[in-house]
Protein backbone atom coordinates (compact mmCIF):
# COMPACT_ATOMS: atom_id res chain seq x y z
CA UNK A 1 3.96 9.03 13.14
CA UNK A 2 3.35 5.54 14.56
CA UNK A 3 3.56 2.57 12.47
CA UNK A 4 0.50 1.35 10.98
CA UNK A 5 2.03 -1.42 9.79
CA UNK A 6 3.25 -3.18 12.63
CA UNK A 7 -0.27 -3.37 13.70
CA UNK A 8 -0.91 -4.61 10.61
CA UNK A 9 1.10 -7.50 11.20
CA UNK A 10 -0.30 -8.30 14.67
CA UNK A 11 -3.74 -8.35 12.86
CA UNK A 12 -2.25 -11.40 10.72
CA UNK A 13 -0.30 -12.52 13.97
CA UNK A 14 3.46 -12.16 12.32
CA UNK A 15 5.79 -10.66 14.60
CA UNK A 16 7.20 -7.35 13.69
CA UNK A 17 8.69 -6.45 17.01
CA UNK A 18 12.06 -5.35 15.23
CA UNK A 19 10.48 -3.93 12.07
CA UNK A 20 9.14 -0.44 11.63
CA UNK A 21 7.27 -0.57 7.77
CA UNK A 22 6.12 2.82 7.96
CA UNK A 23 9.59 4.36 8.44
CA UNK A 24 10.79 6.05 5.37
CA UNK A 25 7.45 4.87 3.10
CA UNK A 26 6.78 7.64 0.79
CA UNK A 27 3.69 5.73 -1.15
CA UNK A 28 2.00 2.92 -0.91
CA UNK A 29 -0.46 1.46 -2.94
CA UNK A 30 -3.09 -1.37 -0.95
CA UNK A 31 -5.50 -1.51 -3.29
CA UNK A 32 -8.38 -2.17 -1.13
CA UNK A 33 -11.20 -0.90 -3.51
CA UNK A 34 -9.17 1.78 -5.01
CA UNK A 35 -5.71 2.82 -6.16
CA UNK A 36 -4.99 5.64 -4.08
CA UNK A 37 -2.10 6.03 -2.04
CA UNK A 38 -2.22 5.08 1.68
CA UNK A 39 1.12 6.56 2.90
CA UNK A 40 -0.11 9.68 3.80
CA UNK A 41 1.90 11.56 1.16
CA UNK A 42 -1.02 11.70 -1.28
CA UNK A 43 1.12 10.49 -4.43
CA UNK A 44 -2.58 9.31 -6.02
CA UNK A 45 -2.96 8.12 -9.56
CA UNK A 46 -4.07 10.99 -11.99
CA UNK A 47 -4.65 8.51 -14.63
CA UNK A 48 -5.85 4.60 -13.86
CA UNK A 49 -7.58 2.63 -16.47
CA UNK A 50 -6.59 -0.57 -15.08
CA UNK A 51 -9.72 -3.12 -13.45
CA UNK A 52 -9.89 -4.04 -9.84
CA UNK A 53 -9.85 -7.79 -9.10
CA UNK A 54 -9.11 -10.65 -6.54
CA UNK A 55 -5.82 -10.14 -4.23
CA UNK A 56 -4.05 -12.99 -3.58
CA UNK A 57 -5.91 -13.97 -0.49
CA UNK A 58 -9.09 -14.24 -2.88
CA UNK A 59 -10.72 -10.88 -1.19
CA UNK A 60 -12.62 -9.52 -4.51
CA UNK A 61 -11.63 -5.45 -5.46
CA UNK A 62 -8.40 -5.57 -3.17
CA UNK A 63 -5.54 -5.87 -6.38
CA UNK A 64 -5.72 -4.19 -10.01
CA UNK A 65 -5.44 -6.27 -13.14
CA UNK A 66 -3.32 -4.57 -16.58
CA UNK A 67 -4.38 -6.17 -19.67
CA UNK A 68 -0.87 -6.21 -21.53
CA UNK A 69 -2.41 -3.83 -24.09
CA UNK A 70 -3.66 -0.40 -22.79
CA UNK A 71 -4.14 -0.43 -19.31
CA UNK A 72 -1.74 1.65 -16.99
CA UNK A 73 -1.72 4.03 -13.73
CA UNK A 74 0.05 7.34 -13.69
CA UNK A 75 1.05 9.18 -10.95
CA UNK A 76 2.46 12.80 -10.91
CA UNK A 77 5.99 13.60 -10.24
CA UNK A 78 6.14 14.58 -6.45
CA UNK A 79 9.18 15.15 -4.11
CA UNK A 80 8.24 12.28 -2.22
CA UNK A 81 8.89 10.04 -5.19
CA UNK A 82 12.26 11.13 -5.53
CA UNK A 83 15.05 9.42 -3.74
CA UNK A 84 19.10 10.36 -3.06
CA UNK A 85 20.78 7.22 -3.59
CA UNK A 86 18.87 4.69 -1.40
CA UNK A 87 15.77 3.42 -2.27
CA UNK A 88 13.45 0.11 -1.62
CA UNK A 89 10.38 -0.99 -3.47
CA UNK A 90 8.21 -4.00 -2.93
CA UNK A 91 5.21 -5.24 -4.73
CA UNK A 92 3.24 -8.40 -5.02
CA UNK A 93 2.68 -9.51 -8.20
CA UNK A 94 0.45 -12.70 -10.77
CA UNK A 95 1.93 -12.49 -14.35
CA UNK A 96 -1.16 -13.28 -16.77
CA UNK A 97 1.09 -13.07 -19.71
CA UNK A 98 4.14 -11.81 -21.54
CA UNK A 99 4.91 -8.91 -23.50
CA UNK A 100 6.09 -10.34 -27.25
CA UNK A 101 7.49 -7.21 -28.69
CA UNK A 102 11.08 -6.03 -29.08
CA UNK A 103 12.70 -6.37 -25.76
CA UNK A 104 10.22 -8.85 -24.58
CA UNK A 105 9.57 -6.35 -20.91
CA UNK A 106 6.79 -6.13 -18.94
CA UNK A 107 7.03 -2.97 -16.82
CA UNK A 108 5.66 -3.22 -13.30
CA UNK A 109 6.52 0.34 -12.41
CA UNK A 110 8.94 2.42 -14.08
CA UNK A 111 10.18 6.03 -12.81
CA UNK A 112 12.27 8.02 -15.75
CA UNK A 113 12.82 7.83 -19.53
CA UNK A 114 14.73 4.70 -19.18
CA UNK A 115 15.90 2.11 -16.53
CA UNK A 116 19.36 2.55 -17.85
CA UNK A 117 19.01 6.55 -17.61
CA UNK A 118 20.71 8.46 -14.35
CA UNK A 119 18.26 8.97 -11.76
CA UNK A 120 15.38 6.65 -13.01
CA UNK A 121 14.09 3.82 -11.41
CA UNK A 122 12.09 0.54 -12.71
CA UNK A 123 10.78 -2.97 -11.58
CA UNK A 124 9.85 -5.48 -14.26
CA UNK A 125 10.34 -8.67 -15.62
CA UNK A 126 11.69 -10.07 -19.36
CA UNK A 127 14.34 -12.83 -20.83
CA UNK A 128 17.48 -10.44 -20.70
CA UNK A 129 19.18 -12.06 -18.22
CA UNK A 130 18.81 -15.91 -19.81
CA UNK A 131 19.62 -14.52 -23.41
CA UNK A 132 22.35 -12.46 -22.46
CA UNK A 133 20.55 -9.08 -23.58
CA UNK A 134 19.29 -10.62 -27.23
CA UNK A 135 16.00 -10.05 -26.41
CA UNK A 136 16.12 -6.74 -27.81
CA UNK A 137 17.83 -7.77 -30.99
CA UNK A 138 14.40 -7.24 -32.54
CA UNK A 139 12.86 -10.59 -32.75
CA UNK A 140 9.57 -11.16 -31.32
CA UNK A 141 9.28 -13.16 -28.03
CA UNK A 142 9.65 -16.67 -28.84
CA UNK A 143 10.46 -18.80 -25.36
CA UNK A 144 8.30 -17.29 -22.81
CA UNK A 145 9.67 -19.70 -20.51
CA UNK A 146 12.89 -18.05 -19.20
CA UNK A 147 11.40 -14.89 -17.16
CA UNK A 148 13.11 -13.32 -14.43
CA UNK A 149 12.09 -10.20 -12.58
CA UNK A 150 15.09 -7.19 -12.07
CA UNK A 151 15.39 -4.02 -11.38
CA UNK A 152 17.62 -0.56 -11.89
CA UNK A 153 20.91 -2.13 -11.71
CA UNK A 154 21.28 -5.74 -12.35
CA UNK A 155 23.73 -8.70 -13.58
CA UNK A 156 23.12 -10.59 -16.97
CA UNK A 157 22.56 -14.01 -15.11
CA UNK A 158 19.72 -15.69 -15.11
CA UNK A 159 18.20 -17.38 -11.87
CA UNK A 160 15.51 -20.05 -11.31
CA UNK A 161 13.14 -20.47 -10.93
CA UNK A 162 12.10 -18.82 -13.68
CA UNK A 163 8.14 -17.04 -13.61
CA UNK A 164 4.78 -19.11 -13.97
CA UNK A 165 1.70 -17.42 -15.06
CA UNK A 166 -0.63 -17.63 -12.66
CA UNK A 167 1.58 -17.49 -9.61
CA UNK A 168 1.51 -14.65 -6.90
CA UNK A 169 5.38 -13.65 -6.27
CA UNK A 170 6.80 -11.09 -3.30
CA UNK A 171 9.55 -8.73 -4.87
CA UNK A 172 11.31 -6.56 -3.16
CA UNK A 173 14.27 -4.33 -4.63
CA UNK A 174 16.75 -2.33 -2.76
CA UNK A 175 19.41 -0.18 -2.90
CA UNK A 176 21.39 1.22 0.20
CA UNK A 177 23.52 3.46 -1.55
CA UNK A 178 26.14 1.02 -2.65
CA UNK A 179 24.56 -2.69 -3.52
CA UNK A 180 21.43 -3.11 -5.20
CA UNK A 181 19.56 -6.32 -4.38
CA UNK A 182 16.36 -8.37 -5.45
CA UNK A 183 14.45 -10.67 -3.48
CA UNK A 184 11.56 -13.04 -4.75
CA UNK A 185 9.60 -14.34 -1.95
CA UNK A 186 12.18 -13.67 0.43
CA UNK A 187 14.99 -15.15 -1.38
CA UNK A 188 17.87 -13.08 -2.51
CA UNK A 189 18.12 -13.55 -6.20
CA UNK A 190 21.34 -11.12 -6.71
CA UNK A 191 23.41 -8.36 -5.25
CA UNK A 192 25.92 -6.44 -7.56
CA UNK A 193 27.54 -3.08 -6.34
CA UNK A 194 25.32 -0.32 -8.37
CA UNK A 195 25.67 3.64 -7.08
CA UNK A 196 23.36 5.42 -8.53
CA UNK A 197 20.58 8.48 -7.34
CA UNK A 198 17.04 7.97 -7.95
CA UNK A 199 15.49 11.50 -8.65
CA UNK A 200 14.30 13.01 -12.05
CA UNK A 201 11.43 14.77 -12.88
CA UNK A 202 9.23 12.07 -14.90
CA UNK A 203 5.66 10.63 -13.48
CA UNK A 204 5.42 7.23 -12.19
CA UNK A 205 3.85 4.51 -14.20
CA UNK A 206 2.48 1.05 -13.06
CA UNK A 207 1.44 -1.03 -16.03
CA UNK A 208 4.02 0.38 -18.99
CA UNK A 209 6.73 2.95 -19.03
CA UNK A 210 6.30 6.23 -20.55
CA UNK A 211 7.95 5.91 -23.82
CA UNK A 212 6.07 5.20 -27.24
CA UNK A 213 8.97 2.69 -28.79
CA UNK A 214 9.30 0.61 -25.92
CA UNK A 215 6.18 0.69 -24.25
CA UNK A 216 6.90 -2.67 -22.11
CA UNK A 217 2.60 -3.02 -21.20
CA UNK A 218 2.36 -5.26 -18.30
CA UNK A 219 -0.21 -8.79 -18.69
CA UNK A 220 -1.02 -8.92 -14.73
CA UNK A 221 -2.54 -8.65 -11.44
CA UNK A 222 -0.29 -5.89 -9.07
CA UNK A 223 -1.28 -5.41 -5.15
CA UNK A 224 0.37 -3.93 -2.19
CA UNK A 225 3.20 -1.75 -4.05
CA UNK A 226 5.37 -0.07 -1.42
CA UNK A 227 8.40 2.73 -2.28
CA UNK A 228 10.86 3.50 0.24
CA UNK A 229 13.46 6.40 0.85
CA UNK A 230 16.05 3.20 2.29
CA UNK A 231 17.08 0.21 2.34
CA UNK A 232 14.53 -2.02 4.23
CA UNK A 233 15.93 -4.42 6.51
CA UNK A 234 15.87 -8.23 5.92
CA UNK A 235 13.41 -9.42 9.02
CA UNK A 236 11.24 -5.97 7.54
CA UNK A 237 11.17 -7.97 3.93
CA UNK A 238 10.07 -11.08 5.54
CA UNK A 239 7.73 -9.55 7.17
CA UNK A 240 6.16 -8.40 3.71
CA UNK A 241 6.44 -11.15 2.10
CA UNK A 242 5.11 -13.73 4.86
CA UNK A 243 2.50 -11.77 5.39
CA UNK A 244 -0.72 -13.52 5.93
CA UNK A 245 -4.26 -13.06 5.45
CA UNK A 246 -5.65 -10.42 8.00
CA UNK A 247 -8.46 -12.54 9.91
CA UNK A 248 -11.78 -10.08 10.12
CA UNK A 249 -12.20 -9.70 13.63
CA UNK A 250 -15.31 -10.89 15.35
CA UNK A 251 -18.21 -7.86 15.66
CA UNK A 252 -19.38 -7.05 18.44
CA UNK A 253 -21.75 -4.09 18.77
CA UNK A 254 -21.40 -1.34 21.19
CA UNK A 255 -24.24 0.89 21.60
CA UNK A 256 -24.17 4.59 21.79
CA UNK A 257 -23.94 5.48 25.71
CA UNK A 258 -24.52 9.01 25.55
CA UNK A 259 -25.31 11.89 23.56
CA UNK A 260 -23.38 14.95 23.55
CA UNK A 261 -25.55 17.63 24.32
CA UNK A 262 -25.94 15.83 27.56
CA UNK A 263 -24.56 17.71 30.45
CA UNK A 264 -22.11 15.34 32.08
CA UNK A 265 -20.45 15.15 28.68
CA UNK A 266 -17.00 17.12 29.35
CA UNK A 267 -15.71 17.61 25.75
CA UNK A 268 -13.87 20.59 24.19
CA UNK A 269 -15.23 21.69 21.18
CA UNK A 270 -12.46 21.04 18.67
CA UNK A 271 -11.88 21.25 14.76
CA UNK A 272 -13.17 18.12 12.96
CA UNK A 273 -10.31 17.29 10.36
CA UNK A 274 -11.90 14.93 7.69
CA UNK A 275 -9.90 12.17 6.61
CA UNK A 276 -11.42 10.40 3.54
CA UNK A 277 -15.14 10.56 2.66
CA UNK A 278 -15.96 6.43 1.97
CA UNK A 279 -18.30 5.54 -0.45
CA UNK A 280 -19.98 2.26 0.76
CA UNK A 281 -21.96 -0.53 -0.66
CA UNK A 282 -23.48 -1.40 2.55
CA UNK A 283 -25.93 0.68 4.97
CA UNK A 284 -24.30 -1.52 8.01
CA UNK A 285 -20.25 -1.10 8.46
CA UNK A 286 -18.09 -3.05 10.78
CA UNK A 287 -15.41 -0.53 12.66
CA UNK A 288 -12.10 -1.89 14.16
CA UNK A 289 -9.65 0.14 16.18
CA UNK A 290 -5.99 -0.68 17.23
CA UNK A 291 -3.48 1.59 18.78
CA UNK A 292 -1.31 2.93 15.74
CA UNK A 293 1.98 0.88 16.47
CA UNK A 294 3.80 1.45 19.66
CA UNK A 295 1.39 1.02 22.64
CA UNK A 296 1.37 4.59 24.43
CA UNK A 297 -1.59 5.00 26.17
CA UNK A 298 -3.56 6.55 23.76
CA UNK A 299 -7.20 7.11 24.71
CA UNK A 300 -10.00 8.46 22.90
CA UNK A 301 -13.73 9.37 22.28
CA UNK A 302 -15.24 7.76 19.36
CA UNK A 303 -18.38 9.79 18.02
CA UNK A 304 -20.73 9.02 15.69
CA UNK A 305 -23.53 11.25 14.20
CA UNK A 306 -22.95 13.55 17.45
CA UNK A 307 -23.42 10.60 19.61
CA UNK A 308 -20.74 9.19 21.69
CA UNK A 309 -20.16 5.42 20.64
CA UNK A 310 -17.22 4.82 23.47
CA UNK A 311 -15.65 7.07 25.90
CA UNK A 312 -12.65 6.56 27.80
CA UNK A 313 -11.32 3.88 25.57
CA UNK A 314 -7.59 2.90 25.57
CA UNK A 315 -5.92 1.71 22.19
CA UNK A 316 -4.30 -1.03 22.21
CA UNK A 317 -3.17 -4.40 20.23
CA UNK A 318 -6.46 -5.60 21.23
CA UNK A 319 -9.46 -4.95 18.70
CA UNK A 320 -12.15 -2.63 19.26
CA UNK A 321 -15.48 -2.93 17.08
CA UNK A 322 -18.42 -1.84 16.90
CA UNK A 323 -21.51 -1.33 14.13
CA UNK A 324 -22.56 1.72 12.77
CA UNK A 325 -25.28 2.47 10.32
CA UNK A 326 -25.11 4.64 7.10
CA UNK A 327 -27.96 6.91 6.13
CA UNK A 328 -29.45 8.45 3.26
CA UNK A 329 -28.82 12.06 3.32
CA UNK A 330 -27.13 12.08 6.90
CA UNK A 331 -23.58 13.34 7.48
CA UNK A 332 -22.54 9.92 8.59
CA UNK A 333 -19.66 11.34 10.42
CA UNK A 334 -17.20 9.15 12.97
CA UNK A 335 -14.95 11.31 14.88
CA UNK A 336 -12.17 10.47 16.96
CA UNK A 337 -11.64 13.04 20.22
CA UNK A 338 -8.14 12.72 21.83
CA UNK A 339 -8.43 12.66 25.55
CA UNK A 340 -4.76 12.14 25.91
CA UNK A 341 -2.12 12.39 23.42
CA UNK A 342 -0.33 9.58 24.81
CA UNK A 343 3.55 9.34 25.60
CA UNK A 344 4.33 9.82 21.62
CA UNK A 345 2.12 12.54 20.32
CA UNK A 346 -0.08 12.72 18.63
CA UNK A 347 -3.24 10.40 19.26
CA UNK A 348 -3.30 7.94 16.73
CA UNK A 349 -5.39 5.04 15.72
CA UNK A 350 -5.56 2.58 13.29
CA UNK A 351 -9.21 2.06 12.13
CA UNK A 352 -10.33 -0.66 9.57
CA UNK A 353 -13.54 -0.68 8.45
CA UNK A 354 -15.29 -3.38 6.56
CA UNK A 355 -17.99 -2.92 3.83
CA UNK A 356 -18.94 -6.20 2.92
CA UNK A 357 -16.10 -7.85 0.94
CA UNK A 358 -13.95 -4.46 0.97
CA UNK A 359 -11.92 -3.56 3.47
CA UNK A 360 -10.37 -0.17 3.98
CA UNK A 361 -7.14 0.98 6.58
CA UNK A 362 -6.89 4.65 7.58
CA UNK A 363 -4.25 6.17 9.83
CA UNK A 364 -6.66 8.44 12.24
CA UNK A 365 -4.61 11.39 14.28
CA UNK A 366 -6.43 13.78 16.80
CA UNK A 367 -4.60 16.16 18.81
CA UNK A 368 -5.64 18.72 21.68
CA UNK A 369 -6.86 21.26 18.82
CA UNK A 370 -8.46 18.88 16.41
CA UNK A 371 -10.40 15.77 15.70
CA UNK A 372 -9.72 13.06 12.92
CA UNK A 373 -13.37 12.36 11.19
CA UNK A 374 -14.01 9.87 8.41
CA UNK A 375 -17.03 10.31 6.72
CA UNK A 376 -19.14 7.82 4.79
CA UNK A 377 -22.08 7.96 1.92
CA UNK A 378 -23.97 5.05 0.70
CA UNK A 379 -24.02 4.70 -2.85
CA UNK A 380 -27.12 5.40 -4.75
């Protein structure tokens, strides 16, 4: 599949020519209005009582807050969440509090009964590196000034600067099968020999561990969580932690040019495959299309509610932007018809939808047999 994230980086004027942030991506939680997995692997939460909040760019409803008491997400175990001996975990986090009970650990994510058990993986912050692990002596946390991020496989050696509440951090953990490494804001904090597999039968948790005695409740905001089945490169880490605020492209209205039923419309009859139905707040949406990754000559016809919006449209890194009206009681179906498959089949596009302050990113594929379709429903 072509790389959706290279195009996203182009949007933010970040050069990712040597990166492939979609390769080996097993789960991706952008948290733009919901907690669904955007990787295509359908690792959506089966439980979520966290609350949408503002992300690091100031966008509302684009990150999740966990209150450190009872809020968390649970994702059912799946093959795509179990890795062999290589893994990368990337997350943006803003600590808003600390866990004061035994061990003083705040669990960002965890899969497995405990981080030290074979097959488990976890990402957290605590004072273990500063106290040489004495935080588990049974005392409640008294000193919250010496917190470090750490993950599965870590030395007992503190690093600076320590975590400050209210500040966003990019935290990336990688294991290439031999070395476990942790980066905070693109800076390497430690790298140690650590050989481990990352496969277990447990569910994945955000905001706590699956342990009644040591729940390690998280008091923080989380955004843009990625899980890979490989160790991402330093170039890719830089692309993630230096990502700039996406700029909303100027809206240019493209009016429907032709009705499908007209005789000179030579479109084959194909099945429409629903990619996603989105419940929107506004009756007017801005829709932007890009080629999804490598520019390979993809050409499409776009159809909305049985009328062609644009035809013979070549997809590239240059945005194609139009507006659509969402009507109550109507199908409100946006269909992408592939006129060709480009040099790298299938025909794929990155579609970015703006619904007021909300932003949705979709990877839409079309072939010679089926059309990719997105449906919209106006919120009651």
